[in-house]
Amino acid sequence: NVVHVDGSVNPVRDKEIIDIELQIKDLESVDKKIQRLSKMAKVGDKDAKKGIETLHIYKQHLEQGKSARSLVISDDDKKVIDDIHLITVKPILYLCNVDEKSVKTGNKYVDAVKEAVKAENAEVLFLAAALEAEISQLENYEDKKMFLLDAGLEEAGVNKLIKSAYKLLNLYTYFTA
């Protein structure tokens, strides 16, 4: 019953607004590092010069409205941004809150989000927050299991969310280690 600030439901628009804000922040970080490395490059630091080249690739990618995670670049070149902790380089999970009728298959909004993020290698989950709230109020495991069966679900959405979040954290840790 909460009315969106723009007056309509459009998760793809909302995602794009957030993406732009995060990309702008990452651009600021890239620009600051370019400035730092430029000082080092002036005194002949070859690593700084190579770093600047790589940072310009990231900058151009971000300026095109793309997140850093979608840039295909060598692992060595990725190391140039390790110390600036770009926000858009991190893996992402989209969680869509749907009505109870859509909890098993999703809906047109979930489909739109999936389509919008297909190039991002992102995971899209959906759950019914109202249903999850009811499940959390149940006292014992058997009642929860029966409730899920009645709803046609095998497990609570929050469990899927936890598993997916851990999977992304492990994946991110693996690639940044």
Protein backbone atom coordinates (compact mmCIF):
# COMPACT_ATOMS: atom_id res chain seq x y z
CA ASN A 1 0.00 0.00 0.00
CA VAL A 2 3.01 2.29 -0.17
CA VAL A 3 2.85 4.57 -3.18
CA HIS A 4 6.11 4.87 -5.10
CA VAL A 5 7.64 8.33 -5.20
CA ASP A 6 7.20 8.37 -9.01
CA GLY A 7 3.60 7.18 -8.70
CA SER A 8 4.03 3.90 -10.57
CA VAL A 9 5.64 0.50 -10.24
CA ASN A 10 8.63 0.14 -12.53
CA PRO A 11 11.46 -1.91 -11.03
CA VAL A 12 13.65 -1.55 -14.12
CA ARG A 13 13.50 2.25 -13.86
CA ASP A 14 14.31 2.03 -10.16
CA LYS A 15 17.26 -0.28 -10.85
CA GLU A 16 18.58 2.07 -13.53
CA ILE A 17 18.38 5.09 -11.20
CA ILE A 18 20.35 3.24 -8.53
CA ASP A 19 22.86 1.98 -11.11
CA ILE A 20 23.51 5.53 -12.33
CA GLU A 21 24.07 6.79 -8.79
CA LEU A 22 26.53 3.98 -8.05
CA GLN A 23 28.32 4.42 -11.37
CA ILE A 24 28.75 8.14 -10.66
CA LYS A 25 30.31 7.31 -7.30
CA ASP A 26 32.64 4.80 -8.98
CA LEU A 27 33.60 7.41 -11.58
CA GLU A 28 34.63 9.74 -8.75
CA SER A 29 36.82 6.99 -7.29
CA VAL A 30 38.41 6.23 -10.66
CA ASP A 31 39.09 9.92 -11.30
CA LYS A 32 40.75 10.33 -7.90
CA LYS A 33 43.02 7.37 -8.55
CA ILE A 34 43.89 8.69 -12.02
CA GLN A 35 44.95 11.96 -10.38
CA ARG A 36 47.08 10.09 -7.82
CA LEU A 37 48.76 7.93 -10.44
CA SER A 38 49.32 10.91 -12.76
CA LYS A 39 51.66 12.44 -10.20
CA MET A 40 53.61 9.19 -10.03
CA ALA A 41 53.65 8.82 -13.82
CA LYS A 42 55.22 12.28 -14.20
CA VAL A 43 58.32 11.04 -12.42
CA GLY A 44 58.56 8.03 -14.74
CA ASP A 45 56.70 5.29 -12.84
CA LYS A 46 55.82 2.75 -15.58
CA ASP A 47 53.33 0.88 -13.37
CA ALA A 48 51.49 4.16 -12.78
CA LYS A 49 51.29 4.78 -16.53
CA LYS A 50 49.86 1.29 -17.10
CA GLY A 51 47.44 1.82 -14.21
CA ILE A 52 46.21 5.06 -15.76
CA GLU A 53 45.53 3.27 -19.05
CA THR A 54 43.49 0.62 -17.25
CA LEU A 55 41.61 3.23 -15.21
CA HIS A 56 40.68 5.05 -18.42
CA ILE A 57 39.14 1.81 -19.69
CA TYR A 58 37.05 1.60 -16.52
CA LYS A 59 36.17 5.28 -16.78
CA GLN A 60 34.96 4.94 -20.37
CA HIS A 61 32.92 1.86 -19.44
CA LEU A 62 31.28 3.63 -16.49
CA GLU A 63 30.59 6.74 -18.58
CA GLN A 64 28.66 4.53 -21.00
CA GLY A 65 26.26 3.71 -18.16
CA LYS A 66 27.69 0.25 -17.56
CA SER A 67 28.68 -1.21 -14.22
CA ALA A 68 32.30 -2.19 -13.62
CA ARG A 69 31.33 -5.84 -13.09
CA SER A 70 30.33 -6.11 -16.76
CA LEU A 71 33.74 -4.99 -18.05
CA VAL A 72 35.71 -7.83 -19.60
CA ILE A 73 39.31 -7.19 -18.59
CA SER A 74 42.31 -9.28 -17.55
CA ASP A 75 42.80 -10.31 -13.94
CA ASP A 76 46.03 -8.30 -13.82
CA ASP A 77 44.20 -5.18 -14.95
CA LYS A 78 41.48 -5.78 -12.35
CA LYS A 79 44.14 -5.45 -9.64
CA VAL A 80 44.47 -1.75 -10.49
CA ILE A 81 41.07 -1.06 -8.90
CA ASP A 82 41.47 -3.30 -5.84
CA ASP A 83 42.35 -0.42 -3.54
CA ILE A 84 39.47 1.85 -4.59
CA HIS A 85 36.71 -0.70 -3.90
CA LEU A 86 34.36 0.13 -6.74
CA ILE A 87 30.76 -0.48 -5.79
CA THR A 88 29.62 -1.64 -9.22
CA VAL A 89 32.30 -4.31 -9.49
CA LYS A 90 30.67 -6.36 -6.75
CA PRO A 91 28.29 -9.20 -7.65
CA ILE A 92 24.64 -8.35 -7.34
CA LEU A 93 21.43 -10.03 -6.34
CA TYR A 94 18.06 -8.58 -7.27
CA LEU A 95 15.23 -9.45 -4.91
CA CYS A 96 11.71 -8.83 -6.16
CA ASN A 97 8.79 -8.66 -3.76
CA VAL A 98 5.75 -10.19 -5.44
CA ASP A 99 2.17 -10.97 -4.45
CA GLU A 100 1.22 -14.41 -3.18
CA LYS A 101 -0.17 -15.47 -6.58
CA SER A 102 3.21 -14.81 -8.20
CA VAL A 103 5.44 -16.40 -5.58
CA LYS A 104 6.00 -19.60 -7.58
CA THR A 105 6.48 -18.27 -11.10
CA GLY A 106 7.07 -14.54 -10.80
CA ASN A 107 5.18 -11.92 -12.79
CA LYS A 108 5.69 -9.34 -15.53
CA TYR A 109 7.84 -7.18 -13.24
CA VAL A 110 10.15 -10.08 -12.40
CA ASP A 111 10.39 -10.90 -16.11
CA ALA A 112 11.27 -7.27 -16.87
CA VAL A 113 14.01 -7.27 -14.23
CA LYS A 114 15.43 -10.55 -15.55
CA GLU A 115 15.51 -9.13 -19.05
CA ALA A 116 17.14 -5.89 -17.88
CA VAL A 117 19.93 -7.67 -15.99
CA LYS A 118 20.65 -10.61 -18.29
CA ALA A 119 24.02 -9.14 -19.35
CA GLU A 120 25.08 -8.50 -15.74
CA ASN A 121 25.54 -12.10 -14.66
CA ALA A 122 23.27 -11.25 -11.74
CA GLU A 123 20.87 -13.43 -9.84
CA VAL A 124 17.19 -12.56 -9.61
CA LEU A 125 15.07 -13.94 -6.78
CA PHE A 126 11.49 -13.24 -5.93
CA LEU A 127 9.48 -13.80 -2.80
CA ALA A 128 6.26 -12.62 -1.24
CA ALA A 129 7.19 -10.55 1.79
CA ALA A 130 3.67 -10.85 3.21
CA LEU A 131 3.89 -14.64 2.99
CA GLU A 132 7.37 -14.61 4.54
CA ALA A 133 6.05 -12.53 7.44
CA GLU A 134 3.31 -15.10 8.07
CA ILE A 135 5.84 -17.95 7.97
CA SER A 136 8.09 -16.21 10.47
CA GLN A 137 5.21 -15.95 12.94
CA LEU A 138 4.73 -19.72 13.06
CA GLU A 139 6.22 -21.35 16.14
CA ASN A 140 7.47 -24.75 15.04
CA TYR A 141 9.05 -26.40 12.05
CA GLU A 142 6.06 -28.65 11.29
CA ASP A 143 3.66 -25.70 11.11
CA LYS A 144 6.03 -23.86 8.80
CA LYS A 145 6.40 -26.93 6.59
CA MET A 146 2.62 -27.37 6.39
CA PHE A 147 2.14 -23.67 5.58
CA LEU A 148 4.72 -23.89 2.78
CA LEU A 149 3.05 -26.98 1.34
CA ASP A 150 -0.33 -25.24 1.40
CA ALA A 151 1.24 -22.33 -0.50
CA GLY A 152 2.79 -24.77 -3.00
CA LEU A 153 6.36 -23.96 -1.96
CA GLU A 154 9.25 -26.24 -1.07
CA GLU A 155 11.11 -23.75 1.10
CA ALA A 156 10.74 -20.24 2.45
CA GLY A 157 11.95 -17.43 0.23
CA VAL A 158 14.17 -16.14 3.00
CA ASN A 159 16.08 -19.45 2.88
CA LYS A 160 16.65 -19.00 -0.86
CA LEU A 161 17.81 -15.45 -0.19
CA ILE A 162 20.31 -16.58 2.43
CA LYS A 163 21.72 -19.31 0.17
CA SER A 164 22.05 -16.94 -2.77
CA ALA A 165 23.70 -14.25 -0.64
CA TYR A 166 26.27 -16.71 0.69
CA LYS A 167 26.91 -18.01 -2.82
CA LEU A 168 27.60 -14.46 -4.04
CA LEU A 169 29.82 -13.69 -1.05
CA ASN A 170 31.84 -16.85 -1.66
CA LEU A 171 32.09 -16.07 -5.35
CA TYR A 172 33.22 -12.51 -4.67
CA THR A 173 35.73 -13.66 -2.07
CA TYR A 174 37.11 -16.22 -4.52
CA PHE A 175 37.63 -13.65 -7.27
CA THR A 176 39.12 -10.97 -5.04
CA ALA A 177 41.46 -13.24 -3.09
